[in-house]
Amino acid sequence: MNKRLAYLGLFSAVAMILGYVDTLLPVFPVPGIKLGLANLAVILALYFYGPKEALLVSSVRILTLGFLFGNLFSIVYSFCGAVLSLGVMTLLKKVNRFSLVTVSIAGGISHNLGQLAAASLIVENFHLFYYFPVYFMAGFLTGLAIGVAADQVKRRIGVEK
């Protein structure tokens, strides 16, 4: 078996487990805000392999958890947030001037923005953007936590693409 494929399977499995754990933790009183623990596996896949592999890990996690514990709307919202987030993180990583923690914070904020935009389009109510300051702060804090954890894992493993 291809070693790279095996590691991507491992990253996907970790993302699914962390995503499931995330559903068990009622952290924020605002609907749709979670810690985003699964993004730990996604950002590490981005740094160890690249954007295509990170998108694969994210997609496997979103589809699996969406079909098991969510619904079509949760899948759509997650994909919108994940695509925007991964795009922003990929661009910031390519610039090579930002730390992993900063990239993660930007990913957390943009993930929430992507989900908010998707929700606004689906329900045709752009007043949902009034929630953006709360989503911004939540994305900042969760992105910070995930970034610090990912940076520690990356330092301890010591391998990067």
C-alpha atoms as a PDB file:
ATOM      1  CA  MET A   1       0.000   0.000   0.000  1.00  0.00           C
ATOM      2  CA  ASN A   2       1.134   3.519  -0.725  1.00  0.00           C
ATOM      3  CA  LYS A   3       2.524   5.022   2.497  1.00  0.00           C
ATOM      4  CA  ARG A   4       1.195   8.483   1.631  1.00  0.00           C
ATOM      5  CA  LEU A   5      -2.307   7.111   1.114  1.00  0.00           C
ATOM      6  CA  ALA A   6      -2.136   5.263   4.424  1.00  0.00           C
ATOM      7  CA  TYR A   7      -1.195   8.479   6.234  1.00  0.00           C
ATOM      8  CA  LEU A   8      -4.039  10.363   4.545  1.00  0.00           C
ATOM      9  CA  GLY A   9      -6.388   7.616   5.728  1.00  0.00           C
ATOM     10  CA  LEU A  10      -5.017   8.100   9.222  1.00  0.00           C
ATOM     11  CA  PHE A  11      -5.506  11.868   9.017  1.00  0.00           C
ATOM     12  CA  SER A  12      -9.086  11.287   7.807  1.00  0.00           C
ATOM     13  CA  ALA A  13      -9.808   8.865  10.648  1.00  0.00           C
ATOM     14  CA  VAL A  14      -8.429  11.317  13.206  1.00  0.00           C
ATOM     15  CA  ALA A  15     -10.515  14.113  11.645  1.00  0.00           C
ATOM     16  CA  MET A  16     -13.662  11.971  11.898  1.00  0.00           C
ATOM     17  CA  ILE A  17     -12.983  11.041  15.531  1.00  0.00           C
ATOM     18  CA  LEU A  18     -12.250  14.637  16.505  1.00  0.00           C
ATOM     19  CA  GLY A  19     -15.308  15.805  14.566  1.00  0.00           C
ATOM     20  CA  TYR A  20     -17.470  13.329  16.459  1.00  0.00           C
ATOM     21  CA  VAL A  21     -15.995  14.443  19.793  1.00  0.00           C
ATOM     22  CA  ASP A  22     -16.755  18.015  18.737  1.00  0.00           C
ATOM     23  CA  THR A  23     -20.442  17.147  18.368  1.00  0.00           C
ATOM     24  CA  LEU A  24     -20.493  15.938  21.974  1.00  0.00           C
ATOM     25  CA  LEU A  25     -19.117  19.193  23.393  1.00  0.00           C
ATOM     26  CA  PRO A  26     -21.727  21.943  23.767  1.00  0.00           C
ATOM     27  CA  VAL A  27     -19.244  24.791  24.013  1.00  0.00           C
ATOM     28  CA  PHE A  28     -20.934  27.871  22.594  1.00  0.00           C
ATOM     29  CA  PRO A  29     -24.515  29.058  23.130  1.00  0.00           C
ATOM     30  CA  VAL A  30     -24.713  30.385  19.541  1.00  0.00           C
ATOM     31  CA  PRO A  31     -26.002  27.847  16.980  1.00  0.00           C
ATOM     32  CA  GLY A  32     -23.394  26.470  14.599  1.00  0.00           C
ATOM     33  CA  ILE A  33     -20.312  27.355  16.615  1.00  0.00           C
ATOM     34  CA  LYS A  34     -18.087  24.462  17.648  1.00  0.00           C
ATOM     35  CA  LEU A  35     -14.461  24.068  18.634  1.00  0.00           C
ATOM     36  CA  GLY A  36     -13.546  22.669  15.226  1.00  0.00           C
ATOM     37  CA  LEU A  37     -11.306  19.935  16.605  1.00  0.00           C
ATOM     38  CA  ALA A  38     -11.311  18.104  13.258  1.00  0.00           C
ATOM     39  CA  ASN A  39      -9.526  21.070  11.718  1.00  0.00           C
ATOM     40  CA  LEU A  40      -6.435  19.961  13.615  1.00  0.00           C
ATOM     41  CA  ALA A  41      -6.116  17.035  11.190  1.00  0.00           C
ATOM     42  CA  VAL A  42      -6.923  19.246   8.202  1.00  0.00           C
ATOM     43  CA  ILE A  43      -4.301  21.914   8.952  1.00  0.00           C
ATOM     44  CA  LEU A  44      -1.684  19.239   9.655  1.00  0.00           C
ATOM     45  CA  ALA A  45      -2.526  17.575   6.323  1.00  0.00           C
ATOM     46  CA  LEU A  46      -2.096  20.990   4.677  1.00  0.00           C
ATOM     47  CA  TYR A  47       1.331  21.488   6.229  1.00  0.00           C
ATOM     48  CA  PHE A  48       2.583  17.904   5.844  1.00  0.00           C
ATOM     49  CA  TYR A  49       1.174  17.178   2.359  1.00  0.00           C
ATOM     50  CA  GLY A  50      -0.573  20.090   0.658  1.00  0.00           C
ATOM     51  CA  PRO A  51      -3.948  21.636  -0.197  1.00  0.00           C
ATOM     52  CA  LYS A  52      -5.302  18.742  -2.286  1.00  0.00           C
ATOM     53  CA  GLU A  53      -4.667  16.262   0.484  1.00  0.00           C
ATOM     54  CA  ALA A  54      -6.108  18.614   3.110  1.00  0.00           C
ATOM     55  CA  LEU A  55      -9.231  19.000   0.951  1.00  0.00           C
ATOM     56  CA  LEU A  56      -9.503  15.211   0.719  1.00  0.00           C
ATOM     57  CA  VAL A  57      -9.231  14.806   4.503  1.00  0.00           C
ATOM     58  CA  SER A  58     -11.766  17.572   5.044  1.00  0.00           C
ATOM     59  CA  SER A  59     -14.184  16.152   2.462  1.00  0.00           C
ATOM     60  CA  VAL A  60     -14.063  12.642   3.908  1.00  0.00           C
ATOM     61  CA  ARG A  61     -14.751  14.027   7.362  1.00  0.00           C
ATOM     62  CA  ILE A  62     -17.592  16.299   6.251  1.00  0.00           C
ATOM     63  CA  LEU A  63     -19.372  13.633   4.219  1.00  0.00           C
ATOM     64  CA  THR A  64     -18.967  10.871   6.791  1.00  0.00           C
ATOM     65  CA  LEU A  65     -20.035  12.918   9.807  1.00  0.00           C
ATOM     66  CA  GLY A  66     -22.719  14.706   7.813  1.00  0.00           C
ATOM     67  CA  PHE A  67     -24.375  11.454   6.771  1.00  0.00           C
ATOM     68  CA  LEU A  68     -23.965   9.878  10.205  1.00  0.00           C
ATOM     69  CA  PHE A  69     -24.910  12.761  12.500  1.00  0.00           C
ATOM     70  CA  GLY A  70     -26.089  15.670  10.380  1.00  0.00           C
ATOM     71  CA  ASN A  71     -28.219  16.409   7.359  1.00  0.00           C
ATOM     72  CA  LEU A  72     -27.855  17.826   3.866  1.00  0.00           C
ATOM     73  CA  PHE A  73     -27.733  21.391   5.170  1.00  0.00           C
ATOM     74  CA  SER A  74     -24.962  20.637   7.650  1.00  0.00           C
ATOM     75  CA  ILE A  75     -22.958  19.073   4.808  1.00  0.00           C
ATOM     76  CA  VAL A  76     -23.485  22.117   2.570  1.00  0.00           C
ATOM     77  CA  TYR A  77     -22.591  24.570   5.343  1.00  0.00           C
ATOM     78  CA  SER A  78     -19.514  22.568   6.285  1.00  0.00           C
ATOM     79  CA  PHE A  79     -18.307  22.326   2.690  1.00  0.00           C
ATOM     80  CA  CYS A  80     -18.735  26.057   2.136  1.00  0.00           C
ATOM     81  CA  GLY A  81     -16.830  26.866   5.303  1.00  0.00           C
ATOM     82  CA  ALA A  82     -14.140  24.272   4.585  1.00  0.00           C
ATOM     83  CA  VAL A  83     -13.508  25.387   1.008  1.00  0.00           C
ATOM     84  CA  LEU A  84     -13.200  29.061   1.948  1.00  0.00           C
ATOM     85  CA  SER A  85     -11.089  28.222   4.985  1.00  0.00           C
ATOM     86  CA  LEU A  86      -8.751  25.927   3.090  1.00  0.00           C
ATOM     87  CA  GLY A  87      -8.384  28.488   0.300  1.00  0.00           C
ATOM     88  CA  VAL A  88      -7.435  31.234   2.760  1.00  0.00           C
ATOM     89  CA  MET A  89      -5.053  28.973   4.694  1.00  0.00           C
ATOM     90  CA  THR A  90      -3.399  27.768   1.482  1.00  0.00           C
ATOM     91  CA  LEU A  91      -2.803  31.342   0.299  1.00  0.00           C
ATOM     92  CA  LEU A  92      -1.397  32.465   3.650  1.00  0.00           C
ATOM     93  CA  LYS A  93       0.850  29.407   3.864  1.00  0.00           C
ATOM     94  CA  LYS A  94       2.187  30.071   0.345  1.00  0.00           C
ATOM     95  CA  VAL A  95       3.067  33.646   1.287  1.00  0.00           C
ATOM     96  CA  ASN A  96       5.364  32.061   3.887  1.00  0.00           C
ATOM     97  CA  ARG A  97       5.229  35.084   6.208  1.00  0.00           C
ATOM     98  CA  PHE A  98       2.648  33.791   8.634  1.00  0.00           C
ATOM     99  CA  SER A  99       2.975  31.309  11.448  1.00  0.00           C
ATOM    100  CA  LEU A 100       0.902  28.155  11.542  1.00  0.00           C
ATOM    101  CA  VAL A 101      -1.091  29.686  14.395  1.00  0.00           C
ATOM    102  CA  THR A 102      -1.916  32.788  12.318  1.00  0.00           C
ATOM    103  CA  VAL A 103      -2.883  30.608   9.348  1.00  0.00           C
ATOM    104  CA  SER A 104      -5.169  28.594  11.636  1.00  0.00           C
ATOM    105  CA  ILE A 105      -6.805  31.733  13.052  1.00  0.00           C
ATOM    106  CA  ALA A 106      -7.501  32.999   9.527  1.00  0.00           C
ATOM    107  CA  GLY A 107      -8.885  29.562   8.689  1.00  0.00           C
ATOM    108  CA  GLY A 108     -11.211  29.598  11.699  1.00  0.00           C
ATOM    109  CA  ILE A 109     -12.559  33.040  10.875  1.00  0.00           C
ATOM    110  CA  SER A 110     -12.995  32.290   7.173  1.00  0.00           C
ATOM    111  CA  HIS A 111     -14.656  28.936   7.927  1.00  0.00           C
ATOM    112  CA  ASN A 112     -17.311  30.725   9.973  1.00  0.00           C
ATOM    113  CA  LEU A 113     -17.696  33.388   7.279  1.00  0.00           C
ATOM    114  CA  GLY A 114     -18.179  30.690   4.623  1.00  0.00           C
ATOM    115  CA  GLN A 115     -20.838  28.963   6.681  1.00  0.00           C
ATOM    116  CA  LEU A 116     -22.602  32.243   7.412  1.00  0.00           C
ATOM    117  CA  ALA A 117     -22.595  33.164   3.712  1.00  0.00           C
ATOM    118  CA  ALA A 118     -23.997  29.745   2.777  1.00  0.00           C
ATOM    119  CA  ALA A 119     -26.734  30.030   5.406  1.00  0.00           C
ATOM    120  CA  SER A 120     -27.622  33.540   4.241  1.00  0.00           C
ATOM    121  CA  LEU A 121     -27.937  32.392   0.639  1.00  0.00           C
ATOM    122  CA  ILE A 122     -29.937  29.272   1.486  1.00  0.00           C
ATOM    123  CA  VAL A 123     -32.475  30.978   3.750  1.00  0.00           C
ATOM    124  CA  GLU A 124     -32.340  34.190   1.698  1.00  0.00           C
ATOM    125  CA  ASN A 125     -31.829  36.312   4.780  1.00  0.00           C
ATOM    126  CA  PHE A 126     -28.716  38.469   4.794  1.00  0.00           C
ATOM    127  CA  HIS A 127     -29.538  39.753   8.264  1.00  0.00           C
ATOM    128  CA  LEU A 128     -27.706  36.656   9.475  1.00  0.00           C
ATOM    129  CA  PHE A 129     -24.504  38.661   8.972  1.00  0.00           C
ATOM    130  CA  TYR A 130     -25.416  40.558  12.137  1.00  0.00           C
ATOM    131  CA  TYR A 131     -24.019  37.481  13.870  1.00  0.00           C
ATOM    132  CA  PHE A 132     -20.635  37.929  12.190  1.00  0.00           C
ATOM    133  CA  PRO A 133     -18.919  39.672  15.139  1.00  0.00           C
ATOM    134  CA  VAL A 134     -19.765  36.675  17.329  1.00  0.00           C
ATOM    135  CA  TYR A 135     -18.665  34.241  14.617  1.00  0.00           C
ATOM    136  CA  PHE A 136     -15.497  36.272  14.058  1.00  0.00           C
ATOM    137  CA  MET A 137     -14.543  36.063  17.735  1.00  0.00           C
ATOM    138  CA  ALA A 138     -15.398  32.361  17.885  1.00  0.00           C
ATOM    139  CA  GLY A 139     -13.320  31.707  14.744  1.00  0.00           C
ATOM    140  CA  PHE A 140     -10.438  33.660  16.206  1.00  0.00           C
ATOM    141  CA  LEU A 141     -10.475  31.787  19.520  1.00  0.00           C
ATOM    142  CA  THR A 142     -10.994  28.325  18.073  1.00  0.00           C
ATOM    143  CA  GLY A 143      -8.459  28.989  15.316  1.00  0.00           C
ATOM    144  CA  LEU A 144      -5.981  30.055  17.979  1.00  0.00           C
ATOM    145  CA  ALA A 145      -6.545  26.894  20.031  1.00  0.00           C
ATOM    146  CA  ILE A 146      -6.342  24.574  17.009  1.00  0.00           C
ATOM    147  CA  GLY A 147      -3.304  26.470  15.688  1.00  0.00           C
ATOM    148  CA  VAL A 148      -1.392  26.151  18.959  1.00  0.00           C
ATOM    149  CA  ALA A 149      -2.200  22.426  19.128  1.00  0.00           C
ATOM    150  CA  ALA A 150      -1.239  21.872  15.462  1.00  0.00           C
ATOM    151  CA  ASP A 151       1.998  23.814  15.919  1.00  0.00           C
ATOM    152  CA  GLN A 152       2.932  21.618  18.870  1.00  0.00           C
ATOM    153  CA  VAL A 153       2.216  18.439  16.903  1.00  0.00           C
ATOM    154  CA  LYS A 154       4.189  19.751  13.912  1.00  0.00           C
ATOM    155  CA  ARG A 155       7.177  20.667  16.109  1.00  0.00           C
ATOM    156  CA  ARG A 156       7.185  17.267  17.801  1.00  0.00           C
ATOM    157  CA  ILE A 157       6.871  15.319  14.543  1.00  0.00           C
ATOM    158  CA  GLY A 158       9.281  17.633  12.725  1.00  0.00           C
ATOM    159  CA  VAL A 159       8.364  16.753   9.139  1.00  0.00           C
ATOM    160  CA  GLU A 160       6.967  19.228   6.635  1.00  0.00           C
ATOM    161  CA  LYS A 161       6.355  19.250   2.901  1.00  0.00           C
END
